[in-house]
Amino acid sequence: MNWMPKTLGPCTIDSPLGLSSAAGDEVPDYVADDRRVLVTAEITAGDRIDERQAFERGGPRARIFFDPGRTTAALLTAGGLCPGINNVIRSLVLQLHHKYGVARILGFRYGFAGLDPASGLPVVPLEPDTVAHIHGRGGTMLGTSRGQREVGTMVDTLVREGVHILFVIGGDGSMRGAHAIAEEIARRGLDLAIIGVPKTIDNDIAWVDKTFGFDTAVSVARSAIDAAHTEASSALGGIGLVRLMGREAGFIAAHATLASRDVNACLVPEVRFTLDGPRGLLAYLEWRLVHRGHAVVVVAEGCGRMLVERDQSPRDPSGNLKLSDVSLDIGRHFEQRINAYFRDRNVPVTLKYVDPSYMVRGVPANAMDAIYCDELARMAVHAAMAGKTDMMVGRWHGTFTNVPLARVVAEKRRIDPDHELWLAVTETTGQPQFV
């Protein structure tokens, strides 16, 4: 599988950015197409570096593919909410309009549904005044939804609206949708660029070191943990139980645990655990109450997969398990099991259950995420104007990259139980292996 993004053709138009490209500049403002970011930053002494295992470096090009004055760009937001979506929308519009002079910018409403005429959703013209103040609000001004539409129909809409560039702001499922659209466009031989901007509260998209909104989510999640700890430590036999988002990856739970430092057990989908038995979570909580008087437990929602009953479990329009459904709510399940365990032993406990899920994803971006959103958006515009397509803008080893969507959708980012992040979690909590 290729590490380099596809391009629509030769770049023959001078960039309007007016940046430096003088020979001998240590770090030229324009980025040459042969600049690379190695996939692996760490090697053993004596190893040969394989230059083929590298991403194309992102950034502005001296020559571009699209003539800005004749270009129509469009954008949509899909999937769940995440802090910073409006920041990305605003920065995309401002960069396209002010820096490149793109003639026309459109917004499709409610994700991929906006590309289906059957939805009856009007296209929204986007201008600097339209997006001037949206970055102070959470959510997305364009609306969002889950689920795919017929690919041919969506491409027909793009052609009918005269779109040359489509930015898809979304997570793993949205990147799959963007890749399918790009493949249909290539099959038709159209000069239409598809650029993904990685958005997911779970931080689980492959080949990007961090998705926007994640820092904000961790900060809000830590506040919930701090509140749970206050409740637990103030009660006789106090237990604070916090359920956090994380459908298949437990990055929010892990990082919020590290930020709080007051968690005694952190459970994520990637690491096996059991509730029962002498080495299970329940026995550990009993030991903890005897020796310390209180306990705080953090569990990622994806652990609810242990409650799945094959095909009978409810799913959303994208086919994902509805982990918020009462039948799969791991937090409520834990609450019932913990209370029942101590009730059977005549041990009084005071359990407080905290679920900040929608607070975590519905708030505005914090300062660091706001900066990151702007950087991602600008890099996405640079790639699009240079005719890159079927790609996602990412960041790897601190450097922005152009990543083929085929690479993105082929893998999923998960916590590795054998690497530093999970080691840090277990050292911080002091928890044993619950198996």
Protein backbone atom coordinates (compact mmCIF):
# COMPACT_ATOMS: atom_id res chain seq x y z
CA MET A 1 0.00 0.00 0.00
CA ASN A 2 1.37 3.39 -1.02
CA TRP A 3 2.42 5.90 1.64
CA MET A 4 2.06 8.86 -0.76
CA PRO A 5 -1.26 10.65 -1.41
CA LYS A 6 -2.79 10.76 -4.88
CA THR A 7 -2.66 13.93 -6.95
CA LEU A 8 -5.03 15.17 -9.63
CA GLY A 9 -2.26 16.29 -11.98
CA PRO A 10 0.64 18.69 -12.50
CA CYS A 11 0.60 21.94 -10.53
CA THR A 12 0.93 24.77 -13.06
CA ILE A 13 -0.34 27.81 -11.16
CA ASP A 14 1.86 29.99 -8.95
CA SER A 15 0.67 30.03 -5.35
CA PRO A 16 -0.90 33.33 -4.31
CA LEU A 17 0.58 33.05 -0.81
CA GLY A 18 3.77 34.93 -1.70
CA LEU A 19 5.99 32.88 0.62
CA SER A 20 9.74 32.39 0.38
CA SER A 21 11.22 29.54 -1.61
CA ALA A 22 14.76 30.85 -1.89
CA ALA A 23 17.46 28.23 -2.31
CA GLY A 24 19.54 27.79 0.80
CA ASP A 25 16.77 28.64 3.26
CA GLU A 26 17.20 26.36 6.23
CA VAL A 27 13.42 25.97 6.56
CA PRO A 28 11.74 27.32 3.41
CA ASP A 29 8.18 28.54 3.76
CA TYR A 30 7.06 26.50 0.77
CA VAL A 31 7.32 22.73 1.15
CA ALA A 32 8.68 20.66 -1.72
CA ASP A 33 6.79 17.54 -2.73
CA ASP A 34 9.82 15.37 -2.01
CA ARG A 35 9.89 16.25 1.70
CA ARG A 36 9.16 13.21 3.88
CA VAL A 37 8.27 12.40 7.49
CA LEU A 38 9.52 8.94 8.49
CA VAL A 39 6.92 6.58 9.91
CA THR A 40 9.36 5.29 12.52
CA ALA A 41 11.29 7.93 14.43
CA GLU A 42 13.33 5.50 16.52
CA ILE A 43 15.87 3.07 15.07
CA THR A 44 18.61 0.84 16.40
CA ALA A 45 22.17 1.96 15.74
CA GLY A 46 23.37 0.47 12.48
CA ASP A 47 19.89 0.06 10.96
CA ARG A 48 19.29 1.37 7.47
CA ILE A 49 16.56 3.96 7.03
CA ASP A 50 13.89 2.91 4.54
CA GLU A 51 12.82 6.14 2.84
CA ARG A 52 9.82 4.36 1.37
CA GLN A 53 8.32 4.05 4.86
CA ALA A 54 7.48 7.74 5.11
CA PHE A 55 4.63 10.21 4.73
CA GLU A 56 4.60 13.20 2.44
CA ARG A 57 5.13 16.33 4.49
CA GLY A 58 2.18 18.68 4.60
CA GLY A 59 2.29 22.42 4.00
CA PRO A 60 1.98 25.06 1.27
CA ARG A 61 3.33 24.35 -2.22
CA ALA A 62 4.93 26.96 -4.46
CA ARG A 63 2.72 25.88 -7.36
CA ILE A 64 -0.89 24.74 -7.07
CA PHE A 65 -3.34 22.74 -9.16
CA PHE A 66 -6.58 24.71 -8.79
CA ASP A 67 -7.10 28.24 -10.11
CA PRO A 68 -8.54 29.93 -6.98
CA GLY A 69 -10.77 32.36 -8.86
CA ARG A 70 -12.48 29.47 -10.64
CA THR A 71 -12.63 27.05 -7.72
CA THR A 72 -15.60 25.98 -5.59
CA ALA A 73 -14.77 24.37 -2.26
CA ALA A 74 -17.24 22.62 0.02
CA LEU A 75 -17.17 21.08 3.49
CA LEU A 76 -19.26 18.84 5.70
CA THR A 77 -19.10 17.51 9.25
CA ALA A 78 -20.12 13.94 10.05
CA GLY A 79 -20.27 11.57 13.01
CA GLY A 80 -20.42 12.51 16.69
CA LEU A 81 -19.71 15.92 18.14
CA CYS A 82 -16.24 16.94 19.27
CA PRO A 83 -14.78 20.16 20.69
CA GLY A 84 -13.28 22.30 17.92
CA ILE A 85 -15.42 21.45 14.88
CA ASN A 86 -16.52 25.05 14.48
CA ASN A 87 -12.89 26.16 14.80
CA VAL A 88 -11.96 23.94 11.86
CA ILE A 89 -14.89 25.18 9.77
CA ARG A 90 -13.97 28.80 10.45
CA SER A 91 -10.28 28.32 9.67
CA LEU A 92 -11.04 26.43 6.45
CA VAL A 93 -13.28 29.23 5.23
CA LEU A 94 -10.88 32.02 6.21
CA GLN A 95 -7.85 30.29 4.69
CA LEU A 96 -9.67 29.53 1.42
CA HIS A 97 -11.13 33.03 1.14
CA HIS A 98 -8.41 35.35 2.42
CA LYS A 99 -5.20 33.48 1.61
CA TYR A 100 -6.07 31.68 -1.63
CA GLY A 101 -8.93 33.82 -2.91
CA VAL A 102 -11.23 30.86 -3.58
CA ALA A 103 -14.32 32.19 -5.32
CA ARG A 104 -17.07 30.08 -3.77
CA ILE A 105 -17.34 28.06 -0.55
CA LEU A 106 -20.30 25.84 0.33
CA GLY A 107 -21.41 23.92 3.40
CA PHE A 108 -23.39 20.69 3.20
CA ARG A 109 -25.78 20.21 6.13
CA TYR A 110 -25.88 17.21 8.47
CA GLY A 111 -22.97 15.19 7.16
CA PHE A 112 -23.31 12.94 4.13
CA ALA A 113 -27.08 13.42 4.27
CA GLY A 114 -26.45 16.87 2.79
CA LEU A 115 -25.11 15.21 -0.36
CA ASP A 116 -28.33 13.28 -0.89
CA PRO A 117 -31.11 15.31 -2.57
CA ALA A 118 -33.66 13.00 -0.94
CA SER A 119 -32.82 14.62 2.40
CA GLY A 120 -34.09 17.97 1.15
CA LEU A 121 -31.30 19.87 2.91
CA PRO A 122 -30.28 23.22 1.37
CA VAL A 123 -26.65 23.99 0.62
CA VAL A 124 -25.27 26.81 2.79
CA PRO A 125 -23.00 29.51 1.26
CA LEU A 126 -20.03 30.12 3.57
CA GLU A 127 -18.22 33.46 3.82
CA PRO A 128 -15.98 35.04 6.44
CA ASP A 129 -18.94 36.88 7.99
CA THR A 130 -20.90 33.61 8.19
CA VAL A 131 -18.26 31.97 10.37
CA ALA A 132 -16.91 35.02 12.19
CA HIS A 133 -18.00 34.02 15.70
CA ILE A 134 -18.64 30.29 15.55
CA HIS A 135 -15.31 29.28 17.14
CA GLY A 136 -16.60 30.31 20.57
CA ARG A 137 -19.33 27.67 20.47
CA GLY A 138 -19.29 23.91 20.75
CA GLY A 139 -20.94 21.60 18.24
CA THR A 140 -21.04 22.30 14.50
CA MET A 141 -22.82 25.10 12.67
CA LEU A 142 -23.41 22.74 9.74
CA GLY A 143 -25.01 19.98 11.78
CA THR A 144 -23.94 16.35 11.73
CA SER A 145 -25.37 12.86 11.35
CA ARG A 146 -24.29 9.25 11.15
CA GLY A 147 -24.76 6.78 8.34
CA GLN A 148 -23.74 6.60 4.69
CA ARG A 149 -25.59 7.52 1.52
CA GLU A 150 -25.29 6.02 -1.96
CA VAL A 151 -21.86 6.99 -3.25
CA GLY A 152 -22.93 7.67 -6.83
CA THR A 153 -25.68 9.99 -5.64
CA MET A 154 -23.25 11.95 -3.48
CA VAL A 155 -20.80 12.39 -6.34
CA ASP A 156 -23.65 13.49 -8.61
CA THR A 157 -24.46 16.22 -6.07
CA LEU A 158 -20.85 17.42 -6.00
CA VAL A 159 -20.79 17.58 -9.80
CA ARG A 160 -24.15 19.35 -9.98
CA GLU A 161 -22.99 21.98 -7.46
CA GLY A 162 -19.74 22.50 -9.37
CA VAL A 163 -17.56 21.48 -6.42
CA HIS A 164 -13.82 21.08 -7.03
CA ILE A 165 -12.73 20.39 -3.43
CA LEU A 166 -14.62 18.62 -0.62
CA PHE A 167 -13.36 18.70 2.96
CA VAL A 168 -14.77 15.93 5.16
CA ILE A 169 -14.42 16.62 8.89
CA GLY A 170 -15.04 13.37 10.70
CA GLY A 171 -13.84 10.20 12.35
CA ASP A 172 -13.07 6.68 11.18
CA GLY A 173 -16.46 6.09 9.56
CA SER A 174 -16.40 9.49 7.88
CA MET A 175 -12.94 8.82 6.46
CA ARG A 176 -14.29 5.58 5.00
CA GLY A 177 -17.09 7.54 3.40
CA ALA A 178 -14.64 10.10 2.04
CA HIS A 179 -12.46 7.33 0.63
CA ALA A 180 -15.46 5.74 -1.12
CA ILE A 181 -16.36 9.11 -2.67
CA ALA A 182 -12.76 9.62 -3.81
CA GLU A 183 -12.70 6.19 -5.45
CA GLU A 184 -15.94 6.93 -7.37
CA ILE A 185 -14.54 10.28 -8.47
CA ALA A 186 -11.38 8.56 -9.73
CA ARG A 187 -13.49 6.00 -11.58
CA ARG A 188 -15.28 8.84 -13.36
CA GLY A 189 -12.02 10.65 -14.11
CA LEU A 190 -13.07 13.91 -12.40
CA ASP A 191 -10.75 16.66 -11.18
CA LEU A 192 -12.29 16.78 -7.72
CA ALA A 193 -10.19 16.64 -4.55
CA ILE A 194 -11.33 14.88 -1.36
CA ILE A 195 -9.52 15.91 1.82
CA GLY A 196 -10.19 14.48 5.28
CA VAL A 197 -9.71 16.33 8.57
CA PRO A 198 -9.50 13.85 11.48
CA LYS A 199 -12.21 14.43 14.10
CA THR A 200 -13.02 11.98 16.85
CA ILE A 201 -13.40 12.38 20.58
CA ASP A 202 -11.88 8.91 21.01
CA ASN A 203 -8.51 9.80 19.42
CA ASP A 204 -8.57 6.48 17.56
CA ILE A 205 -7.85 7.42 13.92
CA ALA A 206 -4.73 5.75 12.53
CA TRP A 207 -1.65 7.71 11.51
CA VAL A 208 -2.36 10.92 13.38
CA ASP A 209 -0.71 11.40 16.75
CA LYS A 210 -3.73 13.24 18.18
CA THR A 211 -7.13 14.30 16.90
CA PHE A 212 -8.47 17.77 17.61
CA GLY A 213 -10.74 18.16 20.63
CA PHE A 214 -9.00 15.40 22.55
CA ASP A 215 -7.17 17.73 24.95
CA THR A 216 -10.44 19.51 25.74
CA ALA A 217 -12.24 16.22 26.30
CA VAL A 218 -9.54 15.00 28.69
CA SER A 219 -9.71 18.26 30.64
CA VAL A 220 -13.49 17.99 31.10
CA ALA A 221 -13.20 14.29 31.94
CA ARG A 222 -10.62 15.06 34.62
CA SER A 223 -13.06 17.50 36.24
CA ALA A 224 -15.62 14.70 36.42
CA ILE A 225 -13.07 12.38 38.02
CA ASP A 226 -12.08 15.07 40.52
CA ALA A 227 -15.74 15.45 41.52
CA ALA A 228 -16.11 11.68 41.90
CA HIS A 229 -13.00 11.58 44.07
CA THR A 230 -14.35 14.36 46.30
CA GLU A 231 -17.61 12.44 46.75
CA ALA A 232 -15.84 9.15 47.43
CA SER A 233 -13.31 10.50 49.90
CA SER A 234 -16.04 12.36 51.83
CA ALA A 235 -18.23 9.32 52.50
CA LEU A 236 -17.94 6.19 54.62
CA GLY A 237 -17.13 3.40 52.15
CA GLY A 238 -17.21 5.93 49.32
CA ILE A 239 -16.85 4.76 45.72
CA GLY A 240 -16.72 7.15 42.79
CA LEU A 241 -17.57 5.54 39.45
CA VAL A 242 -16.96 7.52 36.24
CA ARG A 243 -18.00 6.36 32.78
CA LEU A 244 -16.13 8.10 29.94
CA MET A 245 -16.41 8.01 26.17
CA GLY A 246 -14.29 5.57 24.19
CA ARG A 247 -16.14 3.22 21.86
CA GLU A 248 -13.24 0.97 20.89
CA ALA A 249 -10.26 2.84 22.32
CA GLY A 250 -9.76 4.00 25.89
CA PHE A 251 -7.55 7.03 25.29
CA ILE A 252 -9.82 9.51 27.10
CA ALA A 253 -10.10 7.23 30.13
CA ALA A 254 -6.35 6.60 30.19
CA HIS A 255 -5.27 10.22 29.77
CA ALA A 256 -7.89 11.58 32.18
CA THR A 257 -6.68 9.02 34.72
CA LEU A 258 -3.12 10.26 34.29
CA ALA A 259 -4.25 13.88 34.56
CA SER A 260 -6.29 13.26 37.73
CA ARG A 261 -3.86 11.06 39.69
CA ASP A 262 -6.75 10.08 41.98
CA VAL A 263 -8.03 7.02 40.10
CA ASN A 264 -7.62 3.58 41.65
CA ALA A 265 -8.80 1.46 38.74
CA CYS A 266 -9.02 2.35 35.04
CA LEU A 267 -10.71 -0.05 32.62
CA VAL A 268 -10.47 0.26 28.82
CA PRO A 269 -11.71 -1.89 25.92
CA GLU A 270 -8.21 -2.93 24.87
CA VAL A 271 -7.26 -4.59 28.16
CA ARG A 272 -8.98 -7.72 29.42
CA PHE A 273 -10.55 -7.64 32.88
CA THR A 274 -13.02 -9.55 35.05
CA LEU A 275 -15.34 -8.40 37.80
CA ASP A 276 -15.55 -11.64 39.72
CA GLY A 277 -13.09 -13.92 41.47
CA PRO A 278 -10.19 -13.26 43.84
CA ARG A 279 -8.34 -11.20 41.19
CA GLY A 280 -11.38 -9.40 39.83
CA LEU A 281 -12.32 -5.73 40.17
CA LEU A 282 -14.90 -6.33 42.90
CA ALA A 283 -12.44 -8.09 45.21
CA TYR A 284 -9.93 -5.32 44.59
CA LEU A 285 -12.50 -2.66 45.54
CA GLU A 286 -13.22 -4.55 48.77
CA TRP A 287 -9.49 -4.61 49.58
CA ARG A 288 -9.21 -0.93 48.73
CA LEU A 289 -12.10 0.08 51.03
CA VAL A 290 -10.62 -1.91 53.91
CA HIS A 291 -7.18 -0.34 53.54
CA ARG A 292 -7.93 3.18 52.28
CA GLY A 293 -11.62 3.78 52.94
CA HIS A 294 -12.60 4.94 49.46
CA ALA A 295 -12.01 4.19 45.77
CA VAL A 296 -12.39 5.81 42.35
CA VAL A 297 -13.07 3.71 39.24
CA VAL A 298 -12.95 4.98 35.64
CA VAL A 299 -14.43 2.85 32.86
CA ALA A 300 -14.54 3.55 29.12
CA GLU A 301 -17.92 3.05 27.46
CA GLY A 302 -16.44 0.50 25.05
CA CYS A 303 -16.11 -1.96 27.91
CA GLY A 304 -19.85 -2.39 27.42
CA ARG A 305 -18.99 -4.85 24.68
CA MET A 306 -18.80 -7.44 27.43
CA LEU A 307 -22.60 -7.08 27.63
CA VAL A 308 -23.22 -7.65 23.90
CA GLU A 309 -25.74 -10.33 23.01
CA ARG A 310 -24.74 -11.04 19.43
CA ASP A 311 -27.08 -9.55 16.81
CA GLN A 312 -29.72 -8.51 19.33
CA SER A 313 -27.73 -5.51 20.57
CA PRO A 314 -28.95 -2.06 19.38
CA ARG A 315 -26.91 -0.17 16.77
CA ASP A 316 -26.87 3.39 15.40
CA PRO A 317 -27.33 4.32 11.68
CA SER A 318 -23.60 3.79 11.08
CA GLY A 319 -23.76 0.23 12.40
CA ASN A 320 -21.96 1.03 15.66
CA LEU A 321 -23.16 -0.52 18.90
CA LYS A 322 -25.32 1.96 20.85
CA LEU A 323 -23.22 1.85 24.00
CA SER A 324 -25.45 4.47 25.62
CA ASP A 325 -28.40 2.07 25.45
CA VAL A 326 -29.45 0.76 28.84
CA SER A 327 -28.62 -2.80 27.76
CA LEU A 328 -25.00 -1.87 26.98
CA ASP A 329 -24.34 0.91 29.50
CA ILE A 330 -21.27 -0.43 31.27
CA GLY A 331 -21.42 2.31 33.90
CA ARG A 332 -24.90 1.37 35.08
CA HIS A 333 -23.94 -2.31 34.91
CA PHE A 334 -20.92 -1.66 37.14
CA GLU A 335 -23.05 0.40 39.52
CA GLN A 336 -25.51 -2.47 39.96
CA ARG A 337 -22.80 -5.13 40.29
CA ILE A 338 -20.74 -3.16 42.82
CA ASN A 339 -23.77 -2.34 44.99
CA ALA A 340 -24.96 -5.96 44.86
CA TYR A 341 -21.50 -7.30 45.77
CA PHE A 342 -21.18 -5.22 48.93
CA ARG A 343 -24.84 -5.64 49.86
CA ASP A 344 -24.39 -9.42 49.84
CA ARG A 345 -21.46 -8.98 52.22
CA ASN A 346 -23.32 -6.54 54.49
CA VAL A 347 -20.67 -3.92 53.81
CA PRO A 348 -22.10 -0.38 53.64
CA VAL A 349 -20.90 1.63 50.65
CA THR A 350 -21.85 4.98 49.18
CA LEU A 351 -21.48 4.84 45.42
CA LYS A 352 -21.71 7.97 43.26
CA TYR A 353 -22.02 7.42 39.51
CA VAL A 354 -20.83 10.20 37.19
CA ASP A 355 -21.34 10.16 33.42
CA PRO A 356 -20.09 13.38 31.74
CA SER A 357 -20.28 11.96 28.17
CA TYR A 358 -22.08 14.80 26.42
CA MET A 359 -20.37 17.49 28.48
CA VAL A 360 -17.06 16.07 27.27
CA ARG A 361 -17.91 16.39 23.59
CA GLY A 362 -20.26 19.39 23.51
CA VAL A 363 -18.02 22.11 24.96
CA PRO A 364 -15.94 24.67 22.99
CA ALA A 365 -12.31 23.86 22.29
CA ASN A 366 -9.73 24.93 24.84
CA ALA A 367 -6.72 27.06 23.90
CA MET A 368 -4.43 24.24 22.76
CA ASP A 369 -7.14 22.55 20.72
CA ALA A 370 -8.13 25.87 19.13
CA ILE A 371 -4.56 26.33 17.91
CA TYR A 372 -4.40 22.75 16.64
CA CYS A 373 -7.73 23.07 14.81
CA ASP A 374 -6.46 26.12 12.95
CA GLU A 375 -3.23 24.34 11.99
CA LEU A 376 -5.05 21.26 10.70
CA ALA A 377 -7.47 23.38 8.67
CA ARG A 378 -4.71 25.41 7.03
CA MET A 379 -2.75 22.29 6.17
CA ALA A 380 -5.88 20.74 4.67
CA VAL A 381 -6.37 23.77 2.43
CA HIS A 382 -2.72 23.71 1.30
CA ALA A 383 -3.06 20.06 0.31
CA ALA A 384 -6.34 20.61 -1.50
CA MET A 385 -5.16 23.58 -3.53
CA ALA A 386 -2.09 21.58 -4.61
CA GLY A 387 -4.39 18.93 -6.09
CA LYS A 388 -3.85 16.29 -3.42
CA THR A 389 -6.81 13.95 -3.07
CA ASP A 390 -8.09 10.83 -1.35
CA MET A 391 -6.04 11.85 1.69
CA MET A 392 -6.29 13.03 5.27
CA VAL A 393 -4.20 15.75 6.83
CA GLY A 394 -2.44 14.44 9.92
CA ARG A 395 0.39 15.12 12.33
CA TRP A 396 3.16 12.61 12.97
CA HIS A 397 6.20 13.17 15.20
CA GLY A 398 5.01 16.77 15.57
CA THR A 399 5.08 17.44 11.81
CA PHE A 400 2.03 17.81 9.58
CA THR A 401 1.58 15.14 6.93
CA ASN A 402 -0.56 14.16 3.94
CA VAL A 403 -1.80 10.62 4.60
CA PRO A 404 -3.57 8.44 1.99
CA LEU A 405 -7.09 7.57 3.07
CA ALA A 406 -6.46 3.96 2.06
CA ARG A 407 -3.87 3.84 4.88
CA VAL A 408 -6.18 5.55 7.34
CA VAL A 409 -9.15 3.21 6.87
CA ALA A 410 -7.01 0.05 6.82
CA GLU A 411 -5.96 0.36 10.47
CA LYS A 412 -7.30 1.52 13.82
CA ARG A 413 -5.43 3.26 16.59
CA ARG A 414 -5.69 1.51 19.93
CA ILE A 415 -3.98 1.46 23.31
CA ASP A 416 -1.22 -1.14 23.31
CA PRO A 417 -1.24 -2.85 26.73
CA ASP A 418 2.51 -3.49 26.36
CA HIS A 419 3.54 0.11 25.69
CA GLU A 420 4.26 3.19 27.79
CA LEU A 421 0.76 4.68 28.02
CA TRP A 422 -0.83 1.68 29.72
CA LEU A 423 2.24 1.17 31.91
CA ALA A 424 1.87 4.77 33.08
CA VAL A 425 -1.82 4.20 33.85
CA THR A 426 -1.19 1.08 35.94
CA GLU A 427 1.71 2.73 37.77
CA THR A 428 -0.44 5.79 38.53
CA THR A 429 -3.45 3.81 39.78
CA GLY A 430 -1.52 0.95 41.36
CA GLN A 431 -4.14 -1.42 40.01
CA PRO A 432 -3.35 -5.10 39.47
CA GLN A 433 -4.27 -7.12 36.38
CA PHE A 434 -7.94 -7.95 36.76
CA VAL A 435 -7.67 -11.40 35.17
